[in-house]
Amino acid sequence: MLINLTPHPVTIGNQTIPPSGVTLRLEERVEQVGSLDGIPTYQVVRSAPQGALEALPGWNEGAIYIVPSMVAEALRHPRFFFPYPLIRDEQGRVIGAGGLGRVE
């Protein structure tokens, strides 16, 4: 079972996966750690809210999820995939993807 957790349809080849109506948002923890030439620098840690994964539709049935690449990068979960590589039109707008990528 493939569930789209992005807010928009995802087109891969001739298949479009509609959004599920559920999105996975990351919590962000930020700490100022210093500065470079007077410019503040920050440590940013992103994570899933407590209990968010288990509450996803199909979680207990072993669903595979399409998520934004930033979510996949932050959580590095084997069931999270993102549209990859992106396919763009002449104006640079994303019109689809060649497949699904995963971050390990």
N, C-alpha and C. Protein backbone atom coordinates (compact mmCIF):
# COMPACT_ATOMS: atom_id res chain seq x y z
N MET A 1 0.85 -1.17 0.00
CA MET A 1 0.00 0.00 0.00
C MET A 1 0.90 1.24 0.00
N LEU A 2 0.70 2.13 -0.96
CA LEU A 2 1.48 3.35 -1.13
C LEU A 2 0.60 4.54 -0.73
N ILE A 3 1.04 5.34 0.24
CA ILE A 3 0.25 6.46 0.74
C ILE A 3 1.05 7.75 0.58
N ASN A 4 0.43 8.74 -0.05
CA ASN A 4 1.06 10.03 -0.32
C ASN A 4 0.80 10.96 0.86
N LEU A 5 1.86 11.30 1.60
CA LEU A 5 1.75 12.22 2.74
C LEU A 5 2.16 13.64 2.38
N THR A 6 2.29 13.94 1.08
CA THR A 6 2.55 15.31 0.66
C THR A 6 1.20 15.99 0.42
N PRO A 7 1.19 17.32 0.37
CA PRO A 7 -0.09 18.01 0.17
C PRO A 7 -0.54 18.10 -1.28
N HIS A 8 0.18 17.46 -2.20
CA HIS A 8 -0.17 17.57 -3.63
C HIS A 8 -0.05 16.20 -4.30
N PRO A 9 -0.71 16.03 -5.46
CA PRO A 9 -0.57 14.77 -6.19
C PRO A 9 0.88 14.56 -6.62
N VAL A 10 1.30 13.31 -6.66
CA VAL A 10 2.65 12.96 -7.11
C VAL A 10 2.50 12.12 -8.36
N THR A 11 3.09 12.59 -9.46
CA THR A 11 3.02 11.89 -10.74
C THR A 11 4.36 11.23 -11.02
N ILE A 12 4.30 9.91 -11.24
CA ILE A 12 5.48 9.12 -11.59
C ILE A 12 5.11 8.37 -12.86
N GLY A 13 5.77 8.72 -13.96
CA GLY A 13 5.40 8.14 -15.25
C GLY A 13 3.96 8.50 -15.57
N ASN A 14 3.13 7.49 -15.84
CA ASN A 14 1.72 7.77 -16.15
C ASN A 14 0.81 7.50 -14.95
N GLN A 15 1.39 7.34 -13.77
CA GLN A 15 0.61 7.09 -12.56
C GLN A 15 0.64 8.32 -11.66
N THR A 16 -0.52 8.75 -11.18
CA THR A 16 -0.61 9.86 -10.24
C THR A 16 -1.16 9.35 -8.92
N ILE A 17 -0.44 9.62 -7.85
CA ILE A 17 -0.86 9.20 -6.52
C ILE A 17 -1.42 10.44 -5.83
N PRO A 18 -2.72 10.43 -5.53
CA PRO A 18 -3.32 11.62 -4.92
C PRO A 18 -2.87 11.78 -3.47
N PRO A 19 -2.94 13.02 -2.96
CA PRO A 19 -2.60 13.21 -1.55
C PRO A 19 -3.61 12.47 -0.68
N SER A 20 -3.16 11.95 0.45
CA SER A 20 -4.04 11.19 1.34
C SER A 20 -4.89 12.09 2.22
N GLY A 21 -4.53 13.37 2.29
CA GLY A 21 -5.21 14.27 3.21
C GLY A 21 -4.50 14.35 4.55
N VAL A 22 -3.47 13.51 4.73
CA VAL A 22 -2.65 13.52 5.94
C VAL A 22 -1.25 13.94 5.54
N THR A 23 -0.68 14.90 6.26
CA THR A 23 0.70 15.30 6.01
C THR A 23 1.51 15.06 7.27
N LEU A 24 2.77 14.73 7.09
CA LEU A 24 3.67 14.50 8.22
C LEU A 24 4.54 15.74 8.35
N ARG A 25 4.40 16.44 9.45
CA ARG A 25 5.19 17.65 9.71
C ARG A 25 6.31 17.32 10.70
N LEU A 26 7.41 18.00 10.54
CA LEU A 26 8.55 17.82 11.44
C LEU A 26 8.53 18.86 12.55
N GLU A 27 8.94 18.45 13.73
CA GLU A 27 9.22 19.41 14.79
C GLU A 27 10.64 19.88 14.60
N GLU A 28 10.91 21.10 15.00
CA GLU A 28 12.23 21.67 14.82
C GLU A 28 12.75 22.22 16.14
N ARG A 29 13.95 21.80 16.51
CA ARG A 29 14.62 22.31 17.70
C ARG A 29 15.83 23.10 17.21
N VAL A 30 15.93 24.35 17.65
CA VAL A 30 16.99 25.24 17.16
C VAL A 30 17.77 25.81 18.35
N GLU A 31 19.08 25.83 18.18
CA GLU A 31 19.95 26.40 19.22
C GLU A 31 21.03 27.22 18.53
N GLN A 32 21.19 28.47 18.97
CA GLN A 32 22.28 29.28 18.44
C GLN A 32 23.58 28.73 19.01
N VAL A 33 24.54 28.44 18.13
CA VAL A 33 25.78 27.79 18.55
C VAL A 33 27.01 28.67 18.38
N GLY A 34 26.84 29.82 17.79
CA GLY A 34 28.00 30.68 17.60
C GLY A 34 27.72 31.73 16.54
N SER A 35 28.81 32.19 15.93
CA SER A 35 28.67 33.17 14.85
C SER A 35 29.89 33.08 13.94
N LEU A 36 29.68 33.51 12.72
CA LEU A 36 30.76 33.60 11.72
C LEU A 36 30.78 35.02 11.20
N ASP A 37 31.86 35.73 11.46
CA ASP A 37 31.98 37.13 11.05
C ASP A 37 30.77 37.95 11.49
N GLY A 38 30.30 37.71 12.72
CA GLY A 38 29.18 38.48 13.26
C GLY A 38 27.81 37.98 12.84
N ILE A 39 27.76 36.91 12.05
CA ILE A 39 26.48 36.33 11.60
C ILE A 39 26.16 35.14 12.48
N PRO A 40 24.98 35.13 13.12
CA PRO A 40 24.64 34.00 14.00
C PRO A 40 24.58 32.68 13.23
N THR A 41 25.06 31.61 13.88
CA THR A 41 24.94 30.26 13.33
C THR A 41 24.10 29.42 14.28
N TYR A 42 23.36 28.46 13.70
CA TYR A 42 22.39 27.68 14.47
C TYR A 42 22.56 26.19 14.21
N GLN A 43 22.29 25.41 15.23
CA GLN A 43 22.17 23.96 15.11
C GLN A 43 20.67 23.67 15.01
N VAL A 44 20.25 23.02 13.94
CA VAL A 44 18.84 22.72 13.72
C VAL A 44 18.66 21.20 13.73
N VAL A 45 17.76 20.72 14.58
CA VAL A 45 17.46 19.29 14.65
C VAL A 45 15.98 19.13 14.35
N ARG A 46 15.67 18.30 13.35
CA ARG A 46 14.28 18.05 12.97
C ARG A 46 13.93 16.61 13.32
N SER A 47 12.71 16.42 13.82
CA SER A 47 12.26 15.08 14.19
C SER A 47 10.75 15.00 14.04
N ALA A 48 10.25 13.77 14.06
CA ALA A 48 8.81 13.55 14.02
C ALA A 48 8.23 13.85 15.39
N PRO A 49 7.05 14.46 15.43
CA PRO A 49 6.40 14.64 16.73
C PRO A 49 6.17 13.30 17.40
N GLN A 50 6.20 13.27 18.71
CA GLN A 50 6.00 12.04 19.48
C GLN A 50 4.71 11.35 19.06
N GLY A 51 4.80 10.07 18.70
CA GLY A 51 3.63 9.28 18.35
C GLY A 51 3.09 9.51 16.95
N ALA A 52 3.72 10.43 16.18
CA ALA A 52 3.19 10.79 14.86
C ALA A 52 3.24 9.62 13.88
N LEU A 53 4.31 8.85 13.90
CA LEU A 53 4.44 7.76 12.92
C LEU A 53 3.38 6.69 13.13
N GLU A 54 3.19 6.29 14.36
CA GLU A 54 2.21 5.24 14.65
C GLU A 54 0.79 5.67 14.33
N ALA A 55 0.55 6.98 14.27
CA ALA A 55 -0.79 7.50 13.97
C ALA A 55 -1.05 7.63 12.47
N LEU A 56 -0.05 7.34 11.63
CA LEU A 56 -0.23 7.48 10.18
C LEU A 56 -1.20 6.42 9.66
N PRO A 57 -1.99 6.77 8.64
CA PRO A 57 -2.90 5.78 8.05
C PRO A 57 -2.11 4.62 7.46
N GLY A 58 -2.51 3.40 7.77
CA GLY A 58 -1.86 2.22 7.23
C GLY A 58 -0.58 1.81 7.93
N TRP A 59 -0.19 2.52 9.00
CA TRP A 59 1.08 2.22 9.66
C TRP A 59 1.14 0.77 10.11
N ASN A 60 0.09 0.29 10.74
CA ASN A 60 0.09 -1.08 11.24
C ASN A 60 -0.02 -2.12 10.14
N GLU A 61 -0.41 -1.71 8.94
CA GLU A 61 -0.51 -2.62 7.81
C GLU A 61 0.76 -2.63 6.95
N GLY A 62 1.79 -1.90 7.37
CA GLY A 62 3.05 -1.91 6.64
C GLY A 62 3.07 -1.02 5.42
N ALA A 63 2.28 0.04 5.41
CA ALA A 63 2.23 0.95 4.26
C ALA A 63 3.61 1.54 3.96
N ILE A 64 3.79 1.94 2.71
CA ILE A 64 4.97 2.68 2.25
C ILE A 64 4.48 4.10 1.98
N TYR A 65 5.27 5.10 2.38
CA TYR A 65 4.82 6.48 2.33
C TYR A 65 5.67 7.33 1.39
N ILE A 66 5.00 8.18 0.63
CA ILE A 66 5.66 9.22 -0.15
C ILE A 66 5.64 10.46 0.72
N VAL A 67 6.82 11.01 1.01
CA VAL A 67 6.96 12.17 1.88
C VAL A 67 7.84 13.21 1.19
N PRO A 68 7.82 14.46 1.64
CA PRO A 68 8.77 15.43 1.10
C PRO A 68 10.21 14.97 1.39
N SER A 69 11.14 15.34 0.51
CA SER A 69 12.52 14.89 0.68
C SER A 69 13.10 15.34 2.02
N MET A 70 12.71 16.51 2.53
CA MET A 70 13.22 16.98 3.81
C MET A 70 12.77 16.05 4.95
N VAL A 71 11.56 15.52 4.88
CA VAL A 71 11.08 14.58 5.88
C VAL A 71 11.88 13.28 5.79
N ALA A 72 12.08 12.80 4.57
CA ALA A 72 12.86 11.57 4.38
C ALA A 72 14.28 11.74 4.90
N GLU A 73 14.89 12.88 4.64
CA GLU A 73 16.25 13.15 5.10
C GLU A 73 16.32 13.22 6.62
N ALA A 74 15.36 13.88 7.24
CA ALA A 74 15.39 14.06 8.69
C ALA A 74 15.11 12.76 9.44
N LEU A 75 14.16 11.96 8.95
CA LEU A 75 13.73 10.79 9.71
C LEU A 75 14.42 9.50 9.29
N ARG A 76 14.87 9.42 8.03
CA ARG A 76 15.62 8.24 7.54
C ARG A 76 14.94 6.92 7.91
N HIS A 77 13.66 6.86 7.62
CA HIS A 77 12.89 5.65 7.92
C HIS A 77 12.79 4.80 6.66
N PRO A 78 12.94 3.48 6.75
CA PRO A 78 12.92 2.64 5.55
C PRO A 78 11.58 2.61 4.81
N ARG A 79 10.52 3.10 5.42
CA ARG A 79 9.22 3.12 4.74
C ARG A 79 8.89 4.49 4.13
N PHE A 80 9.84 5.43 4.19
CA PHE A 80 9.63 6.78 3.66
C PHE A 80 10.42 6.95 2.36
N PHE A 81 9.71 7.28 1.30
CA PHE A 81 10.30 7.54 -0.01
C PHE A 81 9.89 8.94 -0.47
N PHE A 82 10.65 9.52 -1.35
CA PHE A 82 10.32 10.84 -1.89
C PHE A 82 10.43 10.80 -3.41
N PRO A 83 9.69 11.68 -4.11
CA PRO A 83 9.76 11.71 -5.57
C PRO A 83 11.19 12.03 -6.03
N TYR A 84 11.75 11.15 -6.91
CA TYR A 84 13.12 11.33 -7.36
C TYR A 84 13.38 10.50 -8.61
N PRO A 85 14.10 10.99 -9.56
CA PRO A 85 14.50 12.38 -9.75
C PRO A 85 13.31 13.19 -10.23
N LEU A 86 13.33 14.48 -9.91
CA LEU A 86 12.23 15.35 -10.33
C LEU A 86 12.35 15.64 -11.82
N ILE A 87 11.19 15.73 -12.46
CA ILE A 87 11.12 16.08 -13.88
C ILE A 87 10.50 17.47 -13.96
N ARG A 88 11.15 18.36 -14.70
CA ARG A 88 10.70 19.76 -14.78
C ARG A 88 10.34 20.12 -16.21
N ASP A 89 9.41 21.09 -16.34
CA ASP A 89 9.07 21.60 -17.67
C ASP A 89 10.07 22.68 -18.08
N GLU A 90 9.83 23.31 -19.22
CA GLU A 90 10.76 24.31 -19.76
C GLU A 90 10.93 25.51 -18.84
N GLN A 91 9.94 25.81 -18.00
CA GLN A 91 10.01 26.93 -17.07
C GLN A 91 10.61 26.52 -15.72
N GLY A 92 11.01 25.26 -15.57
CA GLY A 92 11.61 24.80 -14.34
C GLY A 92 10.63 24.30 -13.29
N ARG A 93 9.33 24.26 -13.64
CA ARG A 93 8.32 23.78 -12.69
C ARG A 93 8.32 22.26 -12.66
N VAL A 94 8.16 21.70 -11.46
CA VAL A 94 8.11 20.24 -11.32
C VAL A 94 6.80 19.73 -11.91
N ILE A 95 6.92 18.75 -12.81
CA ILE A 95 5.73 18.16 -13.43
C ILE A 95 5.60 16.67 -13.12
N GLY A 96 6.60 16.11 -12.46
CA GLY A 96 6.54 14.69 -12.13
C GLY A 96 7.89 14.23 -11.61
N ALA A 97 7.99 12.91 -11.50
CA ALA A 97 9.23 12.30 -11.03
C ALA A 97 9.48 11.04 -11.82
N GLY A 98 10.74 10.66 -11.90
CA GLY A 98 11.10 9.44 -12.61
C GLY A 98 10.91 8.19 -11.77
N GLY A 99 10.81 8.36 -10.46
CA GLY A 99 10.65 7.22 -9.55
C GLY A 99 10.58 7.71 -8.12
N LEU A 100 11.00 6.85 -7.21
CA LEU A 100 11.00 7.19 -5.79
C LEU A 100 12.40 6.97 -5.22
N GLY A 101 12.86 7.90 -4.40
CA GLY A 101 14.16 7.78 -3.75
C GLY A 101 13.98 7.52 -2.26
N ARG A 102 15.03 6.98 -1.65
CA ARG A 102 15.00 6.73 -0.21
C ARG A 102 16.37 7.12 0.37
N VAL A 103 16.36 7.68 1.56
CA VAL A 103 17.58 8.05 2.25
C VAL A 103 17.90 6.99 3.29
N GLU A 104 19.12 6.50 3.29
CA GLU A 104 19.50 5.49 4.29
C GLU A 104 20.41 6.09 5.32
